[in-house]
Amino acid sequence: MRRAAGRALVASVKRLSTYVLDTITNDRTLQAGNLPKVIALVDSKIMPDVDFQRMTASAAGPAWRKATPEQQKSLQEEFKMLLVRTYAGALSQ
């Protein structure tokens, strides 16, 4: 059962990766690192499949539990923008 779930997860990640790479390959504005367009792609195709709160909490470490809900939300947004800008910069190169 666990092995099947793992295979399904790998297949899902491959599909998502292929879709995102194909989208970028066919869109020069994404290749140029157009930030609003990169954000739209991330929001529509990646964020629904990612537990971003857990990812941010993991990156923040023990300080996450001490943060207020407002601080956690703000940190998630800033962390997302850091990742989007990092990848947008990589795309433009």
N, C-alpha and C. Protein backbone atom coordinates (compact mmCIF):
# COMPACT_ATOMS: atom_id res chain seq x y z
N MET A 1 0.83 -1.20 0.00
CA MET A 1 0.00 0.00 0.00
C MET A 1 0.87 1.25 0.00
N ARG A 2 1.88 1.28 0.87
CA ARG A 2 2.76 2.44 0.97
C ARG A 2 3.57 2.65 -0.31
N ARG A 3 3.99 1.56 -0.91
CA ARG A 3 4.76 1.63 -2.15
C ARG A 3 3.91 2.23 -3.27
N ALA A 4 2.65 1.84 -3.35
CA ALA A 4 1.74 2.39 -4.36
C ALA A 4 1.53 3.88 -4.17
N ALA A 5 1.40 4.30 -2.92
CA ALA A 5 1.24 5.73 -2.64
C ALA A 5 2.50 6.49 -3.05
N GLY A 6 3.65 5.90 -2.81
CA GLY A 6 4.91 6.53 -3.21
C GLY A 6 5.00 6.68 -4.72
N ARG A 7 4.60 5.63 -5.43
CA ARG A 7 4.63 5.69 -6.90
C ARG A 7 3.66 6.75 -7.43
N ALA A 8 2.50 6.83 -6.80
CA ALA A 8 1.51 7.83 -7.22
C ALA A 8 2.05 9.24 -6.99
N LEU A 9 2.73 9.44 -5.86
CA LEU A 9 3.31 10.75 -5.57
C LEU A 9 4.39 11.11 -6.58
N VAL A 10 5.26 10.16 -6.89
CA VAL A 10 6.33 10.39 -7.89
C VAL A 10 5.71 10.73 -9.24
N ALA A 11 4.68 10.00 -9.63
CA ALA A 11 4.01 10.27 -10.91
C ALA A 11 3.39 11.66 -10.92
N SER A 12 2.79 12.06 -9.80
CA SER A 12 2.19 13.38 -9.70
C SER A 12 3.23 14.49 -9.81
N VAL A 13 4.36 14.31 -9.15
CA VAL A 13 5.44 15.31 -9.22
C VAL A 13 5.99 15.38 -10.64
N LYS A 14 6.14 14.24 -11.28
CA LYS A 14 6.64 14.24 -12.67
C LYS A 14 5.68 14.97 -13.60
N ARG A 15 4.36 14.71 -13.44
CA ARG A 15 3.37 15.41 -14.28
C ARG A 15 3.43 16.91 -14.07
N LEU A 16 3.48 17.32 -12.81
CA LEU A 16 3.53 18.74 -12.50
C LEU A 16 4.81 19.37 -13.05
N SER A 17 5.93 18.71 -12.86
CA SER A 17 7.22 19.22 -13.36
C SER A 17 7.21 19.34 -14.87
N THR A 18 6.69 18.32 -15.53
CA THR A 18 6.62 18.35 -17.00
C THR A 18 5.73 19.50 -17.47
N TYR A 19 4.58 19.67 -16.82
CA TYR A 19 3.68 20.76 -17.20
C TYR A 19 4.36 22.11 -17.03
N VAL A 20 4.98 22.33 -15.87
CA VAL A 20 5.62 23.62 -15.60
C VAL A 20 6.77 23.87 -16.58
N LEU A 21 7.60 22.87 -16.82
CA LEU A 21 8.72 23.04 -17.75
C LEU A 21 8.22 23.29 -19.18
N ASP A 22 7.18 22.57 -19.60
CA ASP A 22 6.62 22.80 -20.93
C ASP A 22 6.04 24.21 -21.04
N THR A 23 5.36 24.65 -19.99
CA THR A 23 4.78 26.00 -19.99
C THR A 23 5.88 27.04 -20.12
N ILE A 24 6.94 26.87 -19.38
CA ILE A 24 8.06 27.82 -19.43
C ILE A 24 8.74 27.78 -20.79
N THR A 25 8.93 26.59 -21.33
CA THR A 25 9.58 26.43 -22.63
C THR A 25 8.81 27.16 -23.73
N ASN A 26 7.48 27.19 -23.60
CA ASN A 26 6.64 27.79 -24.64
C ASN A 26 6.23 29.22 -24.37
N ASP A 27 6.80 29.84 -23.35
CA ASP A 27 6.40 31.20 -23.00
C ASP A 27 7.65 32.05 -22.73
N ARG A 28 7.97 32.91 -23.67
CA ARG A 28 9.18 33.73 -23.55
C ARG A 28 9.13 34.69 -22.36
N THR A 29 7.93 35.16 -21.99
CA THR A 29 7.86 36.07 -20.85
C THR A 29 8.20 35.35 -19.55
N LEU A 30 7.82 34.08 -19.45
CA LEU A 30 8.23 33.29 -18.28
C LEU A 30 9.74 33.07 -18.31
N GLN A 31 10.28 32.78 -19.48
CA GLN A 31 11.72 32.58 -19.60
C GLN A 31 12.49 33.83 -19.21
N ALA A 32 11.89 34.98 -19.45
CA ALA A 32 12.54 36.25 -19.12
C ALA A 32 12.41 36.59 -17.64
N GLY A 33 11.66 35.77 -16.90
CA GLY A 33 11.52 36.00 -15.47
C GLY A 33 10.45 37.01 -15.11
N ASN A 34 9.43 37.15 -15.96
CA ASN A 34 8.31 38.06 -15.70
C ASN A 34 7.65 37.66 -14.38
N LEU A 35 7.91 38.44 -13.33
CA LEU A 35 7.49 38.08 -11.98
C LEU A 35 5.98 37.87 -11.83
N PRO A 36 5.13 38.78 -12.31
CA PRO A 36 3.69 38.53 -12.17
C PRO A 36 3.24 37.23 -12.85
N LYS A 37 3.84 36.92 -13.98
CA LYS A 37 3.47 35.70 -14.68
C LYS A 37 4.00 34.46 -13.96
N VAL A 38 5.19 34.55 -13.40
CA VAL A 38 5.74 33.44 -12.62
C VAL A 38 4.86 33.20 -11.40
N ILE A 39 4.46 34.28 -10.72
CA ILE A 39 3.60 34.16 -9.54
C ILE A 39 2.28 33.50 -9.92
N ALA A 40 1.70 33.92 -11.04
CA ALA A 40 0.43 33.33 -11.48
C ALA A 40 0.58 31.83 -11.75
N LEU A 41 1.69 31.45 -12.38
CA LEU A 41 1.94 30.03 -12.65
C LEU A 41 2.10 29.26 -11.34
N VAL A 42 2.87 29.80 -10.43
CA VAL A 42 3.08 29.15 -9.13
C VAL A 42 1.75 29.02 -8.38
N ASP A 43 0.98 30.10 -8.33
CA ASP A 43 -0.29 30.08 -7.60
C ASP A 43 -1.29 29.10 -8.20
N SER A 44 -1.33 29.02 -9.52
CA SER A 44 -2.34 28.18 -10.15
C SER A 44 -1.94 26.72 -10.26
N LYS A 45 -0.66 26.43 -10.41
CA LYS A 45 -0.26 25.05 -10.69
C LYS A 45 0.55 24.37 -9.59
N ILE A 46 1.27 25.13 -8.80
CA ILE A 46 2.15 24.51 -7.81
C ILE A 46 1.55 24.58 -6.41
N MET A 47 1.09 25.75 -6.01
CA MET A 47 0.61 25.94 -4.64
C MET A 47 -0.53 25.00 -4.25
N PRO A 48 -1.47 24.67 -5.15
CA PRO A 48 -2.54 23.75 -4.72
C PRO A 48 -2.03 22.37 -4.31
N ASP A 49 -0.86 21.98 -4.79
CA ASP A 49 -0.32 20.65 -4.50
C ASP A 49 0.78 20.64 -3.45
N VAL A 50 1.05 21.80 -2.85
CA VAL A 50 2.15 21.90 -1.89
C VAL A 50 1.61 22.30 -0.52
N ASP A 51 2.09 21.65 0.51
CA ASP A 51 1.75 22.04 1.88
C ASP A 51 2.73 23.15 2.26
N PHE A 52 2.42 24.36 1.82
CA PHE A 52 3.36 25.46 1.98
C PHE A 52 3.50 25.88 3.44
N GLN A 53 2.46 25.73 4.21
CA GLN A 53 2.57 26.05 5.64
C GLN A 53 3.59 25.13 6.30
N ARG A 54 3.51 23.86 5.98
CA ARG A 54 4.47 22.91 6.56
C ARG A 54 5.90 23.19 6.08
N MET A 55 6.04 23.54 4.80
CA MET A 55 7.35 23.84 4.26
C MET A 55 7.94 25.08 4.95
N THR A 56 7.13 26.10 5.14
CA THR A 56 7.59 27.32 5.80
C THR A 56 7.93 27.05 7.26
N ALA A 57 7.09 26.28 7.93
CA ALA A 57 7.35 25.93 9.33
C ALA A 57 8.66 25.16 9.46
N SER A 58 8.91 24.28 8.53
CA SER A 58 10.16 23.52 8.54
C SER A 58 11.37 24.43 8.34
N ALA A 59 11.23 25.39 7.44
CA ALA A 59 12.33 26.32 7.18
C ALA A 59 12.56 27.25 8.38
N ALA A 60 11.49 27.63 9.06
CA ALA A 60 11.60 28.55 10.20
C ALA A 60 12.12 27.85 11.45
N GLY A 61 11.90 26.56 11.55
CA GLY A 61 12.37 25.82 12.72
C GLY A 61 11.53 26.10 13.95
N PRO A 62 12.14 25.98 15.13
CA PRO A 62 11.39 26.13 16.38
C PRO A 62 10.71 27.49 16.55
N ALA A 63 11.21 28.51 15.90
CA ALA A 63 10.61 29.84 16.02
C ALA A 63 9.19 29.87 15.47
N TRP A 64 8.85 28.93 14.57
CA TRP A 64 7.52 28.89 13.97
C TRP A 64 6.44 28.79 15.05
N ARG A 65 6.66 27.93 16.03
CA ARG A 65 5.65 27.71 17.07
C ARG A 65 5.46 28.93 17.96
N LYS A 66 6.47 29.78 18.03
CA LYS A 66 6.39 30.98 18.87
C LYS A 66 5.72 32.14 18.15
N ALA A 67 5.61 32.04 16.83
CA ALA A 67 5.05 33.14 16.04
C ALA A 67 3.53 33.17 16.18
N THR A 68 2.97 34.37 16.11
CA THR A 68 1.52 34.52 16.10
C THR A 68 0.98 34.06 14.75
N PRO A 69 -0.31 33.78 14.64
CA PRO A 69 -0.88 33.42 13.33
C PRO A 69 -0.62 34.48 12.26
N GLU A 70 -0.66 35.75 12.65
CA GLU A 70 -0.39 36.83 11.69
C GLU A 70 1.07 36.78 11.23
N GLN A 71 1.98 36.53 12.16
CA GLN A 71 3.39 36.43 11.80
C GLN A 71 3.64 35.21 10.91
N GLN A 72 2.97 34.11 11.20
CA GLN A 72 3.12 32.91 10.38
C GLN A 72 2.64 33.18 8.95
N LYS A 73 1.51 33.85 8.84
CA LYS A 73 0.97 34.16 7.51
C LYS A 73 1.93 35.07 6.75
N SER A 74 2.44 36.08 7.42
CA SER A 74 3.38 37.01 6.79
C SER A 74 4.65 36.28 6.36
N LEU A 75 5.15 35.42 7.22
CA LEU A 75 6.36 34.66 6.90
C LEU A 75 6.12 33.76 5.69
N GLN A 76 4.95 33.12 5.63
CA GLN A 76 4.63 32.28 4.48
C GLN A 76 4.66 33.08 3.18
N GLU A 77 4.05 34.26 3.21
CA GLU A 77 4.02 35.11 2.01
C GLU A 77 5.43 35.54 1.60
N GLU A 78 6.22 35.96 2.56
CA GLU A 78 7.59 36.40 2.26
C GLU A 78 8.46 35.24 1.76
N PHE A 79 8.29 34.07 2.37
CA PHE A 79 9.04 32.89 1.96
C PHE A 79 8.66 32.49 0.54
N LYS A 80 7.37 32.56 0.24
CA LYS A 80 6.90 32.25 -1.11
C LYS A 80 7.52 33.22 -2.12
N MET A 81 7.52 34.51 -1.79
CA MET A 81 8.10 35.50 -2.72
C MET A 81 9.60 35.27 -2.90
N LEU A 82 10.30 34.90 -1.83
CA LEU A 82 11.72 34.59 -1.94
C LEU A 82 11.93 33.45 -2.93
N LEU A 83 11.15 32.39 -2.79
CA LEU A 83 11.29 31.25 -3.69
C LEU A 83 10.91 31.61 -5.13
N VAL A 84 9.83 32.36 -5.29
CA VAL A 84 9.40 32.76 -6.64
C VAL A 84 10.45 33.63 -7.29
N ARG A 85 10.98 34.61 -6.56
CA ARG A 85 12.02 35.48 -7.14
C ARG A 85 13.29 34.70 -7.47
N THR A 86 13.64 33.77 -6.62
CA THR A 86 14.83 32.94 -6.87
C THR A 86 14.66 32.16 -8.16
N TYR A 87 13.51 31.50 -8.31
CA TYR A 87 13.29 30.71 -9.52
C TYR A 87 13.06 31.57 -10.74
N ALA A 88 12.43 32.74 -10.58
CA ALA A 88 12.26 33.65 -11.71
C ALA A 88 13.62 34.12 -12.21
N GLY A 89 14.51 34.41 -11.27
CA GLY A 89 15.87 34.81 -11.67
C GLY A 89 16.59 33.69 -12.40
N ALA A 90 16.43 32.48 -11.92
CA ALA A 90 17.06 31.34 -12.58
C ALA A 90 16.49 31.13 -13.98
N LEU A 91 15.19 31.33 -14.14
CA LEU A 91 14.56 31.19 -15.45
C LEU A 91 15.10 32.20 -16.44
N SER A 92 15.32 33.40 -15.96
CA SER A 92 15.77 34.47 -16.88
C SER A 92 17.21 34.27 -17.31
N GLN A 93 17.92 33.37 -16.66
CA GLN A 93 19.31 33.13 -17.04
C GLN A 93 19.41 31.87 -17.84
